[in-house]
Amino acid sequence: MAVIAASLSGVAGMVQAAEQAEPTVQIPGTDSGQFKEGDKIPDHYRRPNEEVKDWQRHGLSAPEEGKSHWILVNHRYVLVQLSNSVIEKIVPAKK
């Protein structure tokens, strides 16, 4: 019985850790691995042509006008600060 309880406790811990994992995104063309909130991404993602303009349709929060915008990278929406290319938020894209 103790073995089963210990096993279940370990599984619950792994599930909890997975649920609390910080969202990350892989940026194509970089060797930096996974980017997380607070990381700086390549500057070209600040360009208007990268912007997701219909953020409301995707259930995303409003970006701060003139200060940030949403982009889509590897099935994740990423809110990027326009002044310094720092990631504010990462949200998985709904399929």
Protein backbone atom coordinates (compact mmCIF):
# COMPACT_ATOMS: atom_id res chain seq x y z
CA MET A 1 0.00 0.00 0.00
CA ALA A 2 2.85 2.40 0.85
CA VAL A 3 4.43 1.73 -2.55
CA ILE A 4 1.21 2.68 -4.35
CA ALA A 5 0.82 5.85 -2.27
CA ALA A 6 4.43 6.83 -2.98
CA SER A 7 3.93 6.19 -6.70
CA LEU A 8 0.75 8.26 -6.81
CA SER A 9 2.46 11.03 -4.87
CA GLY A 10 5.29 11.11 -7.44
CA VAL A 11 2.84 11.28 -10.35
CA ALA A 12 0.90 14.10 -8.69
CA GLY A 13 4.13 16.02 -8.22
CA MET A 14 5.05 15.61 -11.89
CA VAL A 15 1.59 16.76 -13.01
CA GLN A 16 1.76 19.78 -10.72
CA ALA A 17 5.24 20.70 -12.03
CA ALA A 18 4.03 20.41 -15.62
CA GLU A 19 1.04 22.64 -14.89
CA GLN A 20 3.28 25.27 -13.32
CA ALA A 21 5.94 25.17 -16.05
CA GLU A 22 6.72 28.59 -17.47
CA PRO A 23 5.52 28.96 -21.07
CA THR A 24 8.31 29.06 -23.64
CA VAL A 25 8.61 29.49 -27.39
CA GLN A 26 11.24 28.34 -29.90
CA ILE A 27 12.17 31.22 -32.22
CA PRO A 28 13.16 30.04 -35.74
CA GLY A 29 16.64 31.04 -36.87
CA THR A 30 18.07 31.37 -33.37
CA ASP A 31 20.43 29.13 -31.46
CA SER A 32 19.15 30.29 -28.09
CA GLY A 33 16.79 27.39 -27.49
CA GLN A 34 13.56 28.23 -25.72
CA PHE A 35 12.60 31.84 -24.97
CA LYS A 36 10.46 32.70 -21.93
CA GLU A 37 8.74 35.79 -20.57
CA GLY A 38 11.34 38.49 -19.87
CA ASP A 39 13.71 37.27 -22.60
CA LYS A 40 14.68 39.49 -25.54
CA ILE A 41 13.89 38.09 -28.98
CA PRO A 42 15.33 39.20 -32.35
CA ASP A 43 14.46 42.82 -33.13
CA HIS A 44 12.72 42.08 -36.43
CA TYR A 45 9.71 40.79 -34.45
CA ARG A 46 8.95 44.43 -33.56
CA ARG A 47 8.16 45.22 -37.20
CA PRO A 48 4.50 45.94 -38.03
CA ASN A 49 4.40 43.16 -40.65
CA GLU A 50 4.90 40.59 -37.85
CA GLU A 51 1.94 41.90 -35.84
CA VAL A 52 -1.23 39.85 -35.20
CA LYS A 53 -3.75 42.60 -35.85
CA ASP A 54 -6.88 40.54 -35.05
CA TRP A 55 -5.79 39.69 -31.49
CA GLN A 56 -9.40 39.95 -30.22
CA ARG A 57 -10.53 37.13 -32.51
CA HIS A 58 -7.90 34.90 -30.93
CA GLY A 59 -9.01 35.70 -27.38
CA LEU A 60 -5.85 37.68 -26.56
CA SER A 61 -5.65 40.65 -24.23
CA ALA A 62 -5.30 44.12 -25.72
CA PRO A 63 -1.68 45.10 -26.34
CA GLU A 64 -0.67 48.47 -24.97
CA GLU A 65 -1.09 50.89 -27.88
CA GLY A 66 2.29 51.88 -29.30
CA LYS A 67 4.16 49.89 -26.63
CA SER A 68 3.60 46.22 -27.50
CA HIS A 69 2.03 43.91 -30.05
CA TRP A 70 1.16 40.24 -30.48
CA ILE A 71 3.07 38.01 -32.90
CA LEU A 72 2.56 34.34 -33.79
CA VAL A 73 5.60 32.08 -33.55
CA ASN A 74 5.55 28.26 -33.62
CA HIS A 75 1.89 27.94 -32.59
CA ARG A 76 2.25 30.43 -29.74
CA TYR A 77 1.11 34.02 -29.45
CA VAL A 78 3.86 36.18 -28.02
CA LEU A 79 3.29 39.69 -26.65
CA VAL A 80 6.44 41.70 -27.44
CA GLN A 81 7.48 45.13 -26.16
CA LEU A 82 8.16 47.39 -29.14
CA SER A 83 10.87 49.41 -27.37
CA ASN A 84 13.21 46.53 -26.60
CA SER A 85 11.86 43.22 -28.04
CA VAL A 86 11.30 41.73 -24.58
CA ILE A 87 8.60 39.06 -24.25
CA GLU A 88 5.77 40.12 -21.94
CA LYS A 89 3.53 37.07 -22.33
CA ILE A 90 3.33 33.72 -24.17
CA VAL A 91 -0.02 32.05 -24.93
CA PRO A 92 -0.49 28.75 -26.81
CA ALA A 93 -2.49 29.19 -30.02
CA LYS A 94 -5.79 27.36 -30.03
CA LYS A 95 -6.21 24.90 -32.87
